[in-house]
Amino acid sequence: MEWSGEGDFAANRYSRAHVWRFDGGAEVPASSSPQVVPVPLSDAAGVDPEEALVASASACHMLWFLHLARDAGLVVTSYLDEAVGQMGKDERGRTFMLRIKLRPRIDFGGEAPGPELLAHLHHHAHEACFIANTLRCEIKVEAL
């Protein structure tokens, strides 16, 4: 993570834009959310930490779901999740991620699994997900 400190730091008029760098060479523009720090002090095009947390939970669930579906003999041809996160206050008044809602839409090659098998796969994907096992917020799957 790198931040360059543009603006007037002492006056709280500094840019929150920064860059995340990952082992494989990927660089992601990041920033505070414009809902927390208004533009131009934040970068609306950057990924904010809250979005990244929701995306991490979604990606982890998806990867486990794909693994479990393959083990069950299914063929997944596409997986789209329009996941959302909801912020809230805890008992001490601190803001935290209250809930993450995963809303995967999955297409299968061949016969699609029935609702019971689909629920079973999502349940076990959730149980195996490293991110879900780390977070204290509710993570709910609403398969579409």
N, C-alpha and C. Protein backbone atom coordinates (compact mmCIF):
# COMPACT_ATOMS: atom_id res chain seq x y z
N MET A 1 0.84 -1.16 0.00
CA MET A 1 0.00 0.00 0.00
C MET A 1 0.89 1.22 0.00
N GLU A 2 0.56 2.18 -0.86
CA GLU A 2 1.35 3.41 -0.92
C GLU A 2 0.42 4.61 -1.02
N TRP A 3 0.70 5.60 -0.19
CA TRP A 3 0.00 6.88 -0.19
C TRP A 3 1.03 7.98 -0.33
N SER A 4 0.75 8.99 -1.15
CA SER A 4 1.76 10.01 -1.41
C SER A 4 1.55 11.33 -0.68
N GLY A 5 0.46 11.54 -0.03
CA GLY A 5 0.27 12.73 0.80
C GLY A 5 0.07 14.04 0.07
N GLU A 6 -0.77 14.06 -0.94
CA GLU A 6 -1.04 15.31 -1.66
C GLU A 6 -2.05 16.15 -0.88
N GLY A 7 -1.83 17.47 -0.85
CA GLY A 7 -2.76 18.38 -0.21
C GLY A 7 -2.21 18.91 1.11
N ASP A 8 -3.08 19.56 1.86
CA ASP A 8 -2.72 20.18 3.13
C ASP A 8 -3.10 19.25 4.28
N PHE A 9 -2.16 18.46 4.71
CA PHE A 9 -2.41 17.44 5.74
C PHE A 9 -2.86 18.08 7.05
N ALA A 10 -2.17 19.12 7.49
CA ALA A 10 -2.47 19.77 8.78
C ALA A 10 -3.88 20.33 8.83
N ALA A 11 -4.40 20.75 7.68
CA ALA A 11 -5.75 21.33 7.61
C ALA A 11 -6.81 20.28 7.29
N ASN A 12 -6.44 19.01 7.28
CA ASN A 12 -7.36 17.91 6.95
C ASN A 12 -7.90 18.04 5.52
N ARG A 13 -7.11 18.58 4.65
CA ARG A 13 -7.47 18.75 3.24
C ARG A 13 -6.49 17.98 2.37
N TYR A 14 -6.30 16.72 2.67
CA TYR A 14 -5.35 15.89 1.94
C TYR A 14 -6.09 14.76 1.22
N SER A 15 -5.49 14.31 0.15
CA SER A 15 -6.08 13.24 -0.65
C SER A 15 -6.00 11.91 0.10
N ARG A 16 -7.09 11.17 0.02
CA ARG A 16 -7.11 9.81 0.60
C ARG A 16 -6.83 8.76 -0.47
N ALA A 17 -6.57 9.18 -1.70
CA ALA A 17 -6.25 8.25 -2.78
C ALA A 17 -4.90 7.58 -2.50
N HIS A 18 -4.82 6.31 -2.80
CA HIS A 18 -3.60 5.54 -2.61
C HIS A 18 -3.63 4.34 -3.56
N VAL A 19 -2.60 3.52 -3.52
CA VAL A 19 -2.49 2.36 -4.43
C VAL A 19 -2.21 1.12 -3.60
N TRP A 20 -2.93 0.04 -3.93
CA TRP A 20 -2.64 -1.27 -3.33
C TRP A 20 -1.81 -2.06 -4.33
N ARG A 21 -0.72 -2.65 -3.87
CA ARG A 21 0.15 -3.47 -4.73
C ARG A 21 0.17 -4.89 -4.17
N PHE A 22 0.04 -5.86 -5.06
CA PHE A 22 -0.03 -7.26 -4.66
C PHE A 22 1.14 -8.05 -5.20
N ASP A 23 1.39 -9.22 -4.61
CA ASP A 23 2.53 -10.06 -4.93
C ASP A 23 2.71 -10.32 -6.43
N GLY A 24 1.63 -10.58 -7.13
CA GLY A 24 1.72 -10.91 -8.55
C GLY A 24 1.92 -9.72 -9.45
N GLY A 25 1.98 -8.50 -8.89
CA GLY A 25 2.22 -7.32 -9.70
C GLY A 25 0.99 -6.46 -9.95
N ALA A 26 -0.19 -6.92 -9.54
CA ALA A 26 -1.39 -6.12 -9.73
C ALA A 26 -1.34 -4.86 -8.87
N GLU A 27 -1.80 -3.77 -9.45
CA GLU A 27 -1.92 -2.51 -8.72
C GLU A 27 -3.36 -2.04 -8.82
N VAL A 28 -3.93 -1.68 -7.68
CA VAL A 28 -5.33 -1.28 -7.63
C VAL A 28 -5.42 0.13 -7.04
N PRO A 29 -6.04 1.07 -7.78
CA PRO A 29 -6.25 2.39 -7.19
C PRO A 29 -7.28 2.26 -6.06
N ALA A 30 -6.99 2.87 -4.94
CA ALA A 30 -7.86 2.76 -3.77
C ALA A 30 -8.04 4.14 -3.15
N SER A 31 -9.03 4.25 -2.29
CA SER A 31 -9.33 5.52 -1.64
C SER A 31 -10.31 5.27 -0.50
N SER A 32 -10.52 6.28 0.31
CA SER A 32 -11.64 6.22 1.23
C SER A 32 -12.91 6.32 0.39
N SER A 33 -14.02 5.90 0.96
CA SER A 33 -15.29 6.01 0.26
C SER A 33 -15.69 7.48 0.15
N PRO A 34 -16.20 7.90 -1.01
CA PRO A 34 -16.70 9.28 -1.14
C PRO A 34 -17.87 9.55 -0.19
N GLN A 35 -18.50 8.52 0.33
CA GLN A 35 -19.57 8.70 1.32
C GLN A 35 -19.01 9.08 2.68
N VAL A 36 -17.73 8.77 2.90
CA VAL A 36 -17.07 9.09 4.16
C VAL A 36 -16.26 10.38 4.04
N VAL A 37 -15.47 10.46 2.97
CA VAL A 37 -14.66 11.66 2.70
C VAL A 37 -15.04 12.13 1.30
N PRO A 38 -15.67 13.29 1.19
CA PRO A 38 -16.16 13.76 -0.11
C PRO A 38 -15.04 13.97 -1.13
N VAL A 39 -15.41 13.78 -2.42
CA VAL A 39 -14.56 14.13 -3.54
C VAL A 39 -14.34 15.64 -3.46
N PRO A 40 -13.21 16.20 -3.70
CA PRO A 40 -12.03 15.65 -4.35
C PRO A 40 -11.01 15.06 -3.38
N LEU A 41 -11.31 15.00 -2.09
CA LEU A 41 -10.33 14.45 -1.15
C LEU A 41 -10.31 12.93 -1.19
N SER A 42 -11.33 12.33 -1.75
CA SER A 42 -11.31 10.89 -2.03
C SER A 42 -11.43 10.72 -3.54
N ASP A 43 -11.14 9.53 -4.01
CA ASP A 43 -11.18 9.22 -5.44
C ASP A 43 -12.32 8.22 -5.65
N ALA A 44 -13.40 8.69 -6.25
CA ALA A 44 -14.57 7.83 -6.45
C ALA A 44 -14.26 6.60 -7.32
N ALA A 45 -13.22 6.68 -8.14
CA ALA A 45 -12.85 5.54 -9.00
C ALA A 45 -12.03 4.50 -8.24
N GLY A 46 -11.53 4.85 -7.07
CA GLY A 46 -10.73 3.91 -6.29
C GLY A 46 -11.59 2.96 -5.49
N VAL A 47 -11.05 1.80 -5.21
CA VAL A 47 -11.73 0.80 -4.37
C VAL A 47 -11.55 1.23 -2.92
N ASP A 48 -12.65 1.27 -2.18
CA ASP A 48 -12.51 1.62 -0.77
C ASP A 48 -12.43 0.34 0.07
N PRO A 49 -11.90 0.42 1.27
CA PRO A 49 -11.70 -0.79 2.09
C PRO A 49 -12.98 -1.59 2.33
N GLU A 50 -14.10 -0.90 2.47
CA GLU A 50 -15.36 -1.61 2.71
C GLU A 50 -15.78 -2.42 1.48
N GLU A 51 -15.62 -1.82 0.29
CA GLU A 51 -15.92 -2.55 -0.95
C GLU A 51 -15.00 -3.76 -1.09
N ALA A 52 -13.74 -3.57 -0.75
CA ALA A 52 -12.77 -4.66 -0.87
C ALA A 52 -13.12 -5.81 0.07
N LEU A 53 -13.62 -5.49 1.25
CA LEU A 53 -14.01 -6.54 2.20
C LEU A 53 -15.18 -7.35 1.65
N VAL A 54 -16.17 -6.67 1.10
CA VAL A 54 -17.32 -7.37 0.51
C VAL A 54 -16.86 -8.22 -0.68
N ALA A 55 -16.00 -7.65 -1.53
CA ALA A 55 -15.50 -8.40 -2.69
C ALA A 55 -14.69 -9.62 -2.25
N SER A 56 -13.90 -9.49 -1.19
CA SER A 56 -13.12 -10.62 -0.68
C SER A 56 -14.03 -11.74 -0.19
N ALA A 57 -15.08 -11.38 0.53
CA ALA A 57 -16.02 -12.40 1.02
C ALA A 57 -16.72 -13.08 -0.16
N SER A 58 -17.11 -12.30 -1.16
CA SER A 58 -17.78 -12.84 -2.34
C SER A 58 -16.85 -13.78 -3.11
N ALA A 59 -15.61 -13.34 -3.35
CA ALA A 59 -14.67 -14.15 -4.11
C ALA A 59 -14.32 -15.45 -3.39
N CYS A 60 -14.13 -15.38 -2.08
CA CYS A 60 -13.80 -16.58 -1.31
C CYS A 60 -14.95 -17.59 -1.38
N HIS A 61 -16.17 -17.10 -1.21
CA HIS A 61 -17.34 -17.99 -1.30
C HIS A 61 -17.43 -18.62 -2.69
N MET A 62 -17.24 -17.79 -3.72
CA MET A 62 -17.31 -18.30 -5.09
C MET A 62 -16.28 -19.39 -5.34
N LEU A 63 -15.05 -19.16 -4.92
CA LEU A 63 -13.99 -20.14 -5.17
C LEU A 63 -14.30 -21.47 -4.49
N TRP A 64 -14.81 -21.42 -3.25
CA TRP A 64 -15.19 -22.66 -2.58
C TRP A 64 -16.40 -23.30 -3.25
N PHE A 65 -17.38 -22.49 -3.68
CA PHE A 65 -18.54 -23.04 -4.36
C PHE A 65 -18.12 -23.76 -5.63
N LEU A 66 -17.26 -23.14 -6.42
CA LEU A 66 -16.80 -23.78 -7.67
C LEU A 66 -16.12 -25.11 -7.38
N HIS A 67 -15.28 -25.14 -6.37
CA HIS A 67 -14.58 -26.38 -5.98
C HIS A 67 -15.58 -27.46 -5.58
N LEU A 68 -16.53 -27.10 -4.74
CA LEU A 68 -17.51 -28.08 -4.26
C LEU A 68 -18.44 -28.53 -5.38
N ALA A 69 -18.82 -27.62 -6.27
CA ALA A 69 -19.67 -27.99 -7.40
C ALA A 69 -18.96 -28.97 -8.32
N ARG A 70 -17.68 -28.72 -8.57
CA ARG A 70 -16.90 -29.64 -9.40
C ARG A 70 -16.82 -31.01 -8.73
N ASP A 71 -16.55 -31.02 -7.42
CA ASP A 71 -16.50 -32.29 -6.68
C ASP A 71 -17.83 -33.04 -6.75
N ALA A 72 -18.94 -32.30 -6.86
CA ALA A 72 -20.27 -32.92 -6.94
C ALA A 72 -20.62 -33.35 -8.36
N GLY A 73 -19.69 -33.14 -9.30
CA GLY A 73 -19.93 -33.56 -10.68
C GLY A 73 -20.69 -32.54 -11.52
N LEU A 74 -20.81 -31.34 -11.02
CA LEU A 74 -21.52 -30.29 -11.76
C LEU A 74 -20.53 -29.51 -12.62
N VAL A 75 -21.06 -28.86 -13.64
CA VAL A 75 -20.26 -27.99 -14.50
C VAL A 75 -20.83 -26.58 -14.39
N VAL A 76 -20.06 -25.68 -13.84
CA VAL A 76 -20.46 -24.28 -13.72
C VAL A 76 -19.91 -23.54 -14.92
N THR A 77 -20.77 -22.82 -15.63
CA THR A 77 -20.33 -22.08 -16.81
C THR A 77 -20.19 -20.58 -16.55
N SER A 78 -20.90 -20.07 -15.54
CA SER A 78 -20.72 -18.67 -15.14
C SER A 78 -21.22 -18.47 -13.72
N TYR A 79 -20.64 -17.47 -13.08
CA TYR A 79 -20.98 -17.14 -11.69
C TYR A 79 -20.89 -15.63 -11.57
N LEU A 80 -21.99 -14.99 -11.26
CA LEU A 80 -22.05 -13.54 -11.10
C LEU A 80 -22.64 -13.24 -9.74
N ASP A 81 -21.94 -12.48 -8.93
CA ASP A 81 -22.43 -12.12 -7.60
C ASP A 81 -22.48 -10.61 -7.48
N GLU A 82 -23.65 -10.08 -7.24
CA GLU A 82 -23.81 -8.65 -6.98
C GLU A 82 -23.92 -8.47 -5.47
N ALA A 83 -22.82 -8.72 -4.79
CA ALA A 83 -22.77 -8.68 -3.33
C ALA A 83 -22.87 -7.25 -2.83
N VAL A 84 -23.48 -7.09 -1.65
CA VAL A 84 -23.59 -5.78 -1.02
C VAL A 84 -23.22 -5.90 0.45
N GLY A 85 -22.71 -4.82 0.99
CA GLY A 85 -22.39 -4.76 2.41
C GLY A 85 -23.21 -3.67 3.07
N GLN A 86 -23.56 -3.89 4.33
CA GLN A 86 -24.31 -2.90 5.09
C GLN A 86 -23.51 -2.54 6.34
N MET A 87 -23.24 -1.25 6.49
CA MET A 87 -22.52 -0.77 7.65
C MET A 87 -23.51 -0.49 8.78
N GLY A 88 -23.04 -0.55 10.01
CA GLY A 88 -23.88 -0.26 11.17
C GLY A 88 -23.01 0.13 12.35
N LYS A 89 -23.63 0.33 13.49
CA LYS A 89 -22.92 0.67 14.72
C LYS A 89 -23.02 -0.50 15.69
N ASP A 90 -21.91 -0.77 16.40
CA ASP A 90 -21.96 -1.82 17.42
C ASP A 90 -22.42 -1.22 18.74
N GLU A 91 -22.44 -2.05 19.78
CA GLU A 91 -22.94 -1.61 21.09
C GLU A 91 -22.11 -0.48 21.70
N ARG A 92 -20.90 -0.29 21.22
CA ARG A 92 -20.05 0.80 21.71
C ARG A 92 -20.07 2.02 20.79
N GLY A 93 -20.93 1.98 19.76
CA GLY A 93 -21.06 3.11 18.86
C GLY A 93 -20.05 3.14 17.73
N ARG A 94 -19.26 2.09 17.60
CA ARG A 94 -18.25 2.03 16.53
C ARG A 94 -18.89 1.52 15.24
N THR A 95 -18.49 2.12 14.13
CA THR A 95 -19.00 1.68 12.83
C THR A 95 -18.30 0.40 12.41
N PHE A 96 -19.07 -0.55 11.91
CA PHE A 96 -18.51 -1.81 11.44
C PHE A 96 -19.37 -2.37 10.32
N MET A 97 -18.86 -3.41 9.68
CA MET A 97 -19.63 -4.08 8.63
C MET A 97 -20.65 -4.96 9.34
N LEU A 98 -21.89 -4.57 9.28
CA LEU A 98 -22.98 -5.25 9.97
C LEU A 98 -23.36 -6.55 9.26
N ARG A 99 -23.41 -6.47 7.94
CA ARG A 99 -23.92 -7.61 7.17
C ARG A 99 -23.35 -7.57 5.77
N ILE A 100 -23.08 -8.74 5.24
CA ILE A 100 -22.71 -8.89 3.82
C ILE A 100 -23.73 -9.82 3.21
N LYS A 101 -24.30 -9.37 2.11
CA LYS A 101 -25.29 -10.19 1.41
C LYS A 101 -24.70 -10.61 0.07
N LEU A 102 -24.53 -11.92 -0.10
CA LEU A 102 -24.06 -12.48 -1.37
C LEU A 102 -25.29 -12.84 -2.18
N ARG A 103 -25.29 -12.48 -3.46
CA ARG A 103 -26.43 -12.73 -4.33
C ARG A 103 -25.95 -13.38 -5.64
N PRO A 104 -25.43 -14.60 -5.53
CA PRO A 104 -24.88 -15.23 -6.73
C PRO A 104 -25.95 -15.70 -7.71
N ARG A 105 -25.63 -15.50 -8.98
CA ARG A 105 -26.41 -16.08 -10.09
C ARG A 105 -25.46 -17.02 -10.80
N ILE A 106 -25.84 -18.27 -10.85
CA ILE A 106 -24.94 -19.30 -11.36
C ILE A 106 -25.59 -20.01 -12.53
N ASP A 107 -24.83 -20.17 -13.61
CA ASP A 107 -25.29 -20.95 -14.76
C ASP A 107 -24.49 -22.25 -14.79
N PHE A 108 -25.19 -23.32 -15.14
CA PHE A 108 -24.58 -24.65 -15.18
C PHE A 108 -24.67 -25.20 -16.59
N GLY A 109 -23.63 -25.95 -16.99
CA GLY A 109 -23.67 -26.71 -18.22
C GLY A 109 -24.37 -28.02 -17.91
N GLY A 110 -25.28 -28.43 -18.74
CA GLY A 110 -26.03 -29.64 -18.44
C GLY A 110 -27.13 -29.34 -17.43
N GLU A 111 -27.48 -30.35 -16.67
CA GLU A 111 -28.58 -30.22 -15.72
C GLU A 111 -28.16 -29.42 -14.49
N ALA A 112 -28.99 -28.45 -14.14
CA ALA A 112 -28.71 -27.62 -12.96
C ALA A 112 -29.10 -28.41 -11.71
N PRO A 113 -28.42 -28.18 -10.61
CA PRO A 113 -28.77 -28.87 -9.37
C PRO A 113 -30.11 -28.36 -8.83
N GLY A 114 -30.78 -29.21 -8.07
CA GLY A 114 -32.02 -28.81 -7.43
C GLY A 114 -31.74 -27.86 -6.28
N PRO A 115 -32.79 -27.27 -5.71
CA PRO A 115 -32.61 -26.29 -4.65
C PRO A 115 -31.93 -26.85 -3.40
N GLU A 116 -32.16 -28.11 -3.08
CA GLU A 116 -31.54 -28.71 -1.89
C GLU A 116 -30.03 -28.84 -2.07
N LEU A 117 -29.60 -29.34 -3.23
CA LEU A 117 -28.16 -29.47 -3.48
C LEU A 117 -27.51 -28.09 -3.57
N LEU A 118 -28.17 -27.14 -4.20
CA LEU A 118 -27.64 -25.79 -4.31
C LEU A 118 -27.46 -25.18 -2.91
N ALA A 119 -28.45 -25.33 -2.05
CA ALA A 119 -28.34 -24.82 -0.67
C ALA A 119 -27.21 -25.51 0.08
N HIS A 120 -27.06 -26.82 -0.14
CA HIS A 120 -26.00 -27.60 0.49
C HIS A 120 -24.62 -27.08 0.06
N LEU A 121 -24.46 -26.83 -1.23
CA LEU A 121 -23.18 -26.33 -1.75
C LEU A 121 -22.86 -24.94 -1.19
N HIS A 122 -23.86 -24.06 -1.15
CA HIS A 122 -23.63 -22.73 -0.59
C HIS A 122 -23.30 -22.80 0.90
N HIS A 123 -23.99 -23.66 1.62
CA HIS A 123 -23.72 -23.80 3.05
C HIS A 123 -22.28 -24.24 3.28
N HIS A 124 -21.85 -25.26 2.55
CA HIS A 124 -20.49 -25.77 2.74
C HIS A 124 -19.43 -24.79 2.21
N ALA A 125 -19.76 -24.04 1.16
CA ALA A 125 -18.83 -23.00 0.69
C ALA A 125 -18.66 -21.93 1.76
N HIS A 126 -19.75 -21.56 2.39
CA HIS A 126 -19.69 -20.57 3.46
C HIS A 126 -18.88 -21.09 4.65
N GLU A 127 -19.09 -22.34 5.02
CA GLU A 127 -18.37 -22.94 6.15
C GLU A 127 -16.86 -23.02 5.87
N ALA A 128 -16.48 -23.19 4.61
CA ALA A 128 -15.06 -23.35 4.25
C ALA A 128 -14.35 -22.02 3.98
N CYS A 129 -15.11 -20.98 3.72
CA CYS A 129 -14.53 -19.69 3.30
C CYS A 129 -13.68 -19.08 4.41
N PHE A 130 -12.41 -18.84 4.10
CA PHE A 130 -11.47 -18.26 5.08
C PHE A 130 -11.92 -16.87 5.53
N ILE A 131 -12.44 -16.09 4.60
CA ILE A 131 -12.87 -14.73 4.93
C ILE A 131 -14.10 -14.77 5.84
N ALA A 132 -15.08 -15.59 5.49
CA ALA A 132 -16.27 -15.71 6.34
C ALA A 132 -15.90 -16.19 7.74
N ASN A 133 -14.93 -17.08 7.82
CA ASN A 133 -14.50 -17.59 9.12
C ASN A 133 -13.76 -16.54 9.94
N THR A 134 -13.32 -15.48 9.31
CA THR A 134 -12.57 -14.42 9.97
C THR A 134 -13.48 -13.29 10.47
N LEU A 135 -14.57 -13.04 9.76
CA LEU A 135 -15.42 -11.89 10.05
C LEU A 135 -16.45 -12.18 11.13
N ARG A 136 -16.83 -11.14 11.86
CA ARG A 136 -17.87 -11.29 12.88
C ARG A 136 -19.25 -10.90 12.36
N CYS A 137 -19.31 -10.27 11.19
CA CYS A 137 -20.61 -9.85 10.67
C CYS A 137 -21.36 -11.03 10.06
N GLU A 138 -22.65 -10.85 9.94
CA GLU A 138 -23.49 -11.85 9.29
C GLU A 138 -23.18 -11.86 7.80
N ILE A 139 -23.07 -13.05 7.24
CA ILE A 139 -22.93 -13.20 5.79
C ILE A 139 -24.08 -14.09 5.34
N LYS A 140 -24.93 -13.54 4.52
CA LYS A 140 -26.13 -14.24 4.08
C LYS A 140 -26.03 -14.48 2.57
N VAL A 141 -26.37 -15.70 2.15
CA VAL A 141 -26.37 -16.04 0.72
C VAL A 141 -27.81 -16.08 0.24
N GLU A 142 -28.10 -15.29 -0.76
CA GLU A 142 -29.43 -15.28 -1.40
C GLU A 142 -29.22 -15.63 -2.85
N ALA A 143 -29.12 -16.91 -3.13
CA ALA A 143 -28.89 -17.35 -4.51
C ALA A 143 -30.09 -16.95 -5.36
N LEU A 144 -29.78 -16.33 -6.51
CA LEU A 144 -30.84 -15.87 -7.42
C LEU A 144 -31.10 -16.87 -8.51
